[in-house]
């Protein structure tokens, strides 16, 4: 299938003025060669068949590639998420410069979530066409360009024409860029972090992402992490069983469960206690959580949108926030 597309794929990636470097890491030579042939018109392709060869290649290149397409099922752990590829990229000092896309034949939500938590910006399920991969790359580059330059580039798929956009009013360049980003992030299943000063409208942006997404009528639950006692955050998020603590006279569901297939908006995520951040990371990775007082694992299908008025990078350096949560 890939080889057939390779001969007929001639379209140019309009968003790129010159070929960008692309690293393809896959142990299957047919897939690797097929992708290289199909995408070679748009990118300068570098190939690696293993983690070791990928790291060697990265160290030898004068500059890291802009994009990387990495097979999730590389030996010795085929067909399951594994953290070694992103860790290896981090060792070379290039993780923050490479946009990592994970490619896998195991198309399930846990793999997608884990790939995103590892540092990948997108998850692409096999089988896929070069056109689909190209679209993933194009969307990622558009996001990066708007974030760096503030230039407004309307998305062909943008379905939001109302300038009010759930309370976001205006036609300035920055507002147009914001609408552009909302329209794009609304179509992606991954967690979103919204940064901004208090009163800048972070909840409006979160609401717009939910309402312009594929499930606008799904539940939208909001928890302000700064407005609730630290001891109450865990039972509020995850729920609790009868008798889990004094006053727990009956079982109670939490926000993750109540959000169902919708969105859970965690406002002021920077105030979340450090000990709860690891539990939040587990939900981000594979959707698993436990009610307080229970040992049975439950699965959340809610999308997480978080917001903060703090600089989380500074919080990580100060030891107040887990680096794993910021990469997730």
Protein backbone atom coordinates (compact mmCIF):
# COMPACT_ATOMS: atom_id res chain seq x y z
CA UNK A 1 0.00 0.00 0.00
CA UNK A 2 2.75 2.49 0.96
CA UNK A 3 4.78 1.68 -2.16
CA UNK A 4 1.74 2.28 -4.35
CA UNK A 5 1.22 5.70 -2.78
CA UNK A 6 4.92 6.42 -3.13
CA UNK A 7 4.76 6.43 -6.92
CA UNK A 8 1.68 8.62 -7.13
CA UNK A 9 2.32 11.03 -4.27
CA UNK A 10 3.50 14.32 -5.83
CA UNK A 11 1.89 17.06 -3.75
CA UNK A 12 4.05 19.73 -2.16
CA UNK A 13 3.73 20.81 1.45
CA UNK A 14 2.75 24.44 0.92
CA UNK A 15 3.58 25.49 4.48
CA UNK A 16 7.27 24.65 3.98
CA UNK A 17 9.50 26.90 1.88
CA UNK A 18 12.35 24.40 1.77
CA UNK A 19 12.61 20.70 2.64
CA UNK A 20 12.79 20.06 6.35
CA UNK A 21 14.70 17.17 7.88
CA UNK A 22 12.54 14.18 8.81
CA UNK A 23 13.76 11.21 10.85
CA UNK A 24 11.91 7.91 10.28
CA UNK A 25 12.56 5.19 12.88
CA UNK A 26 11.03 1.81 12.05
CA UNK A 27 12.45 -1.70 12.17
CA UNK A 28 10.43 -2.78 9.10
CA UNK A 29 12.51 -1.87 6.00
CA UNK A 30 9.47 -1.97 3.69
CA UNK A 31 7.57 0.57 5.77
CA UNK A 32 10.67 2.68 6.26
CA UNK A 33 11.60 2.74 2.57
CA UNK A 34 8.00 3.23 1.49
CA UNK A 35 7.53 6.23 3.75
CA UNK A 36 10.87 7.68 2.69
CA UNK A 37 9.93 7.40 -0.97
CA UNK A 38 6.43 8.81 -0.42
CA UNK A 39 7.55 11.78 1.66
CA UNK A 40 10.89 12.39 -0.03
CA UNK A 41 9.50 15.12 -2.28
CA UNK A 42 8.67 17.27 0.74
CA UNK A 43 11.34 16.35 3.27
CA UNK A 44 14.98 15.45 3.54
CA UNK A 45 14.49 11.99 4.99
CA UNK A 46 16.88 10.26 7.39
CA UNK A 47 16.23 6.60 8.22
CA UNK A 48 17.02 4.48 11.28
CA UNK A 49 16.00 0.90 12.01
CA UNK A 50 16.52 0.94 15.79
CA UNK A 51 16.89 3.15 18.83
CA UNK A 52 20.65 2.81 18.77
CA UNK A 53 20.96 3.79 15.11
CA UNK A 54 18.57 6.71 15.65
CA UNK A 55 20.67 8.09 18.49
CA UNK A 56 23.87 7.67 16.49
CA UNK A 57 22.30 9.48 13.56
CA UNK A 58 21.08 12.34 15.75
CA UNK A 59 24.53 12.80 17.22
CA UNK A 60 26.14 12.87 13.77
CA UNK A 61 23.73 15.38 12.22
CA UNK A 62 24.86 19.03 12.41
CA UNK A 63 21.31 20.04 13.34
CA UNK A 64 18.47 17.90 14.73
CA UNK A 65 15.62 17.09 12.34
CA UNK A 66 12.49 19.18 12.63
CA UNK A 67 10.22 16.13 12.66
CA UNK A 68 10.53 12.50 13.72
CA UNK A 69 8.20 9.61 12.89
CA UNK A 70 8.87 6.80 15.38
CA UNK A 71 7.37 3.31 15.39
CA UNK A 72 5.87 2.49 18.78
CA UNK A 73 6.62 -1.22 18.38
CA UNK A 74 10.40 -1.14 18.13
CA UNK A 75 12.22 -4.19 19.55
CA UNK A 76 12.78 -5.36 22.23
CA UNK A 77 9.28 -4.26 23.28
CA UNK A 78 7.12 -4.53 20.15
CA UNK A 79 3.51 -3.35 20.16
CA UNK A 80 3.45 -1.61 23.49
CA UNK A 81 4.30 1.92 24.63
CA UNK A 82 7.89 2.33 25.79
CA UNK A 83 9.69 5.40 27.08
CA UNK A 84 13.14 4.71 25.70
CA UNK A 85 12.85 6.61 22.42
CA UNK A 86 11.89 9.96 24.02
CA UNK A 87 14.42 9.38 26.83
CA UNK A 88 17.13 8.78 24.24
CA UNK A 89 16.13 11.96 22.39
CA UNK A 90 16.32 13.84 25.69
CA UNK A 91 19.84 12.50 26.33
CA UNK A 92 21.02 13.98 23.05
CA UNK A 93 19.60 17.36 24.06
CA UNK A 94 17.25 17.53 21.09
CA UNK A 95 13.84 16.65 22.51
CA UNK A 96 12.66 20.25 22.69
CA UNK A 97 13.62 20.81 19.04
CA UNK A 98 12.14 17.67 17.49
CA UNK A 99 8.42 17.25 16.87
CA UNK A 100 7.91 13.53 17.58
CA UNK A 101 5.06 11.60 15.98
CA UNK A 102 4.41 8.03 17.11
CA UNK A 103 3.35 5.46 14.52
CA UNK A 104 1.68 2.23 15.66
CA UNK A 105 -0.44 -0.64 14.42
CA UNK A 106 -2.06 -0.84 17.84
CA UNK A 107 -4.78 1.76 17.53
CA UNK A 108 -6.17 2.16 21.04
CA UNK A 109 -6.69 5.06 23.41
CA UNK A 110 -4.12 3.90 25.98
CA UNK A 111 -1.35 3.84 23.38
CA UNK A 112 -2.28 7.31 22.15
CA UNK A 113 -2.36 8.72 25.67
CA UNK A 114 0.92 7.08 26.63
CA UNK A 115 2.63 8.31 23.47
CA UNK A 116 1.49 11.86 24.24
CA UNK A 117 2.65 11.56 27.86
CA UNK A 118 6.07 10.39 26.63
CA UNK A 119 6.52 13.61 24.71
CA UNK A 120 5.04 12.82 21.29
CA UNK A 121 2.86 15.58 19.89
CA UNK A 122 0.64 13.21 17.92
CA UNK A 123 -0.25 9.54 17.51
CA UNK A 124 -0.74 8.11 14.01
CA UNK A 125 -2.39 4.70 13.68
CA UNK A 126 -1.39 2.21 10.98
CA UNK A 127 -2.38 1.66 8.28
CA UNK A 128 -2.17 5.26 7.13
CA UNK A 129 -1.59 7.03 3.85
CA UNK A 130 1.21 9.53 3.16
CA UNK A 131 -1.47 12.19 2.77
CA UNK A 132 -2.66 11.56 6.32
CA UNK A 133 0.89 11.74 7.70
CA UNK A 134 1.47 14.92 5.69
CA UNK A 135 -1.67 16.47 7.25
CA UNK A 136 -0.41 15.67 10.76
CA UNK A 137 2.93 17.31 9.96
CA UNK A 138 1.26 20.33 8.37
CA UNK A 139 -1.00 20.93 11.39
CA UNK A 140 1.93 20.70 13.81
CA UNK A 141 3.99 23.16 11.78
CA UNK A 142 1.05 25.59 11.60
CA UNK A 143 0.72 25.54 15.38
CA UNK A 144 4.43 26.17 15.80
CA UNK A 145 4.41 29.01 13.29
CA UNK A 146 1.48 30.81 14.92
CA UNK A 147 3.06 30.40 18.35
CA UNK A 148 6.40 31.83 17.20
CA UNK A 149 5.34 34.60 14.84
CA UNK A 150 1.75 35.34 15.72
CA UNK A 151 0.89 35.16 12.03
CA UNK A 152 -2.69 34.23 11.26
CA UNK A 153 -3.18 31.37 8.82
CA UNK A 154 -6.84 30.30 8.60
CA UNK A 155 -7.32 26.55 8.62
CA UNK A 156 -9.23 25.06 5.69
CA UNK A 157 -11.14 22.91 8.16
CA UNK A 158 -12.01 25.80 10.48
CA UNK A 159 -15.71 25.59 11.19
CA UNK A 160 -16.05 28.53 13.57
CA UNK A 161 -17.07 31.71 11.77
CA UNK A 162 -18.84 33.55 14.62
CA UNK A 163 -16.47 36.28 15.81
CA UNK A 164 -17.96 36.08 19.31
CA UNK A 165 -16.78 32.46 19.76
CA UNK A 166 -18.38 31.87 23.17
CA UNK A 167 -17.34 35.23 24.56
CA UNK A 168 -14.04 35.67 22.71
CA UNK A 169 -14.74 38.91 20.86
CA UNK A 170 -12.57 40.87 18.44
CA UNK A 171 -10.89 40.90 15.04
CA UNK A 172 -7.33 41.79 15.99
CA UNK A 173 -4.47 39.67 14.70
CA UNK A 174 -3.92 38.06 18.09
CA UNK A 175 -7.59 37.17 18.49
CA UNK A 176 -7.59 35.65 14.99
CA UNK A 177 -4.50 33.61 15.89
CA UNK A 178 -6.23 32.46 19.07
CA UNK A 179 -9.32 31.37 17.11
CA UNK A 180 -7.08 29.55 14.67
CA UNK A 181 -5.40 27.65 17.49
CA UNK A 182 -8.72 26.85 19.17
CA UNK A 183 -10.10 25.42 15.91
CA UNK A 184 -7.04 23.22 15.50
CA UNK A 185 -6.72 22.00 19.10
CA UNK A 186 -10.45 21.26 19.21
CA UNK A 187 -9.95 18.48 16.66
CA UNK A 188 -7.11 16.80 18.60
CA UNK A 189 -7.72 14.29 21.44
CA UNK A 190 -4.68 15.25 23.51
CA UNK A 191 -4.49 17.26 26.75
CA UNK A 192 -4.16 21.03 26.44
CA UNK A 193 -2.43 23.50 28.77
CA UNK A 194 -3.63 27.11 28.65
CA UNK A 195 -1.28 29.70 30.15
CA UNK A 196 -2.22 33.27 30.98
CA UNK A 197 -2.66 35.85 33.71
CA UNK A 198 -5.67 35.79 36.02
CA UNK A 199 -8.71 37.25 34.29
CA UNK A 200 -7.32 36.77 30.77
CA UNK A 201 -10.11 34.38 29.74
CA UNK A 202 -8.52 30.93 30.08
CA UNK A 203 -11.86 29.29 30.89
CA UNK A 204 -13.43 30.93 27.83
CA UNK A 205 -10.73 29.34 25.68
CA UNK A 206 -11.29 25.94 27.33
CA UNK A 207 -15.04 26.21 26.73
CA UNK A 208 -14.48 27.16 23.08
CA UNK A 209 -12.20 24.14 22.56
CA UNK A 210 -14.91 21.88 23.99
CA UNK A 211 -17.80 23.46 22.09
CA UNK A 212 -16.04 23.48 18.71
CA UNK A 213 -14.79 19.90 19.08
CA UNK A 214 -16.42 16.67 17.87
CA UNK A 215 -18.57 16.31 21.06
CA UNK A 216 -19.87 19.81 21.85
CA UNK A 217 -22.79 18.51 23.93
CA UNK A 218 -20.68 16.22 26.11
CA UNK A 219 -20.20 17.09 29.79
CA UNK A 220 -17.84 19.96 30.63
CA UNK A 221 -16.69 19.78 34.26
CA UNK A 222 -14.66 22.55 35.91
CA UNK A 223 -12.48 22.25 39.01
CA UNK A 224 -10.51 25.18 40.37
CA UNK A 225 -7.55 23.53 42.11
CA UNK A 226 -6.83 26.72 44.08
CA UNK A 227 -10.37 27.04 45.47
CA UNK A 228 -10.57 23.67 47.22
CA UNK A 229 -8.71 22.32 50.23
CA UNK A 230 -5.76 20.10 49.21
CA UNK A 231 -7.18 17.19 51.23
CA UNK A 232 -10.41 17.32 49.25
CA UNK A 233 -8.93 17.45 45.75
CA UNK A 234 -8.29 13.70 45.44
CA UNK A 235 -11.82 12.53 46.42
CA UNK A 236 -13.31 15.33 44.33
CA UNK A 237 -11.35 14.28 41.24
CA UNK A 238 -11.44 10.51 41.61
CA UNK A 239 -14.47 9.89 43.83
CA UNK A 240 -14.57 7.70 46.92
CA UNK A 241 -16.13 4.54 48.30
CA UNK A 242 -18.42 4.24 51.30
CA UNK A 243 -16.39 4.40 54.50
CA UNK A 244 -13.22 5.62 52.76
CA UNK A 245 -12.91 8.38 55.38
CA UNK A 246 -14.92 9.94 58.18
CA UNK A 247 -18.16 11.28 56.77
CA UNK A 248 -18.14 9.10 53.64
CA UNK A 249 -21.56 7.58 54.32
CA UNK A 250 -22.06 6.56 50.69
CA UNK A 251 -20.03 6.04 47.54
CA UNK A 252 -19.54 9.11 45.37
CA UNK A 253 -18.30 9.51 41.82
CA UNK A 254 -15.61 12.07 41.02
CA UNK A 255 -15.08 14.64 38.30
CA UNK A 256 -13.20 12.20 36.06
CA UNK A 257 -16.16 9.84 36.11
CA UNK A 258 -18.77 12.59 35.81
CA UNK A 259 -16.98 14.08 32.79
CA UNK A 260 -17.57 10.79 30.96
CA UNK A 261 -16.72 11.28 27.25
CA UNK A 262 -16.53 15.05 27.66
CA UNK A 263 -13.95 17.46 29.04
CA UNK A 264 -12.50 18.03 32.50
CA UNK A 265 -11.12 21.53 32.91
CA UNK A 266 -8.56 21.81 35.72
CA UNK A 267 -8.14 25.50 36.43
CA UNK A 268 -5.02 26.68 38.31
CA UNK A 269 -3.32 23.31 37.77
CA UNK A 270 -0.14 24.82 39.20
CA UNK A 271 -1.74 24.67 42.67
CA UNK A 272 -2.26 20.90 42.51
CA UNK A 273 -0.35 19.22 45.38
CA UNK A 274 2.82 17.47 44.24
CA UNK A 275 1.69 14.08 45.58
CA UNK A 276 -1.45 14.20 43.42
CA UNK A 277 0.46 15.09 40.26
CA UNK A 278 1.71 11.50 39.85
CA UNK A 279 -1.86 10.23 40.04
CA UNK A 280 -2.92 12.78 37.45
CA UNK A 281 -0.05 11.63 35.23
CA UNK A 282 -1.35 8.06 35.39
CA UNK A 283 -4.73 9.23 34.08
CA UNK A 284 -3.02 11.19 31.31
CA UNK A 285 -0.93 8.14 30.32
CA UNK A 286 -3.55 5.38 30.22
CA UNK A 287 -6.81 6.76 31.61
CA UNK A 288 -6.60 4.70 34.81
CA UNK A 289 -7.62 5.97 38.24
CA UNK A 290 -9.02 4.62 41.49
CA UNK A 291 -11.66 5.97 43.80
CA UNK A 292 -10.36 6.77 47.27
CA UNK A 293 -10.81 3.64 49.35
CA UNK A 294 -10.97 1.28 46.35
CA UNK A 295 -8.39 -0.96 44.71
CA UNK A 296 -10.32 -1.49 41.48
CA UNK A 297 -8.96 0.48 38.53
CA UNK A 298 -11.45 2.55 36.56
CA UNK A 299 -11.00 4.09 33.13
CA UNK A 300 -11.61 7.73 32.29
CA UNK A 301 -12.34 8.76 28.70
CA UNK A 302 -12.47 12.46 29.50
CA UNK A 303 -10.24 14.94 27.73
CA UNK A 304 -8.11 17.05 30.07
CA UNK A 305 -7.73 20.80 29.60
CA UNK A 306 -5.67 22.57 32.24
CA UNK A 307 -4.93 26.22 32.88
CA UNK A 308 -2.49 28.15 35.04
CA UNK A 309 -1.35 31.70 35.72
CA UNK A 310 2.01 30.42 36.92
CA UNK A 311 5.16 29.69 34.95
CA UNK A 312 5.24 25.90 35.30
CA UNK A 313 8.80 25.72 33.99
CA UNK A 314 9.91 27.83 36.93
CA UNK A 315 7.77 25.69 39.23
CA UNK A 316 9.50 22.56 37.92
CA UNK A 317 12.93 24.06 38.56
CA UNK A 318 11.85 25.04 42.07
CA UNK A 319 10.56 21.53 42.75
CA UNK A 320 6.90 22.50 43.10
CA UNK A 321 5.68 20.81 39.94
CA UNK A 322 6.49 17.46 38.34
CA UNK A 323 8.35 17.66 35.02
CA UNK A 324 6.43 14.58 33.81
CA UNK A 325 3.18 16.50 34.07
CA UNK A 326 4.48 19.39 32.01
CA UNK A 327 5.62 17.04 29.21
CA UNK A 328 2.26 15.30 29.34
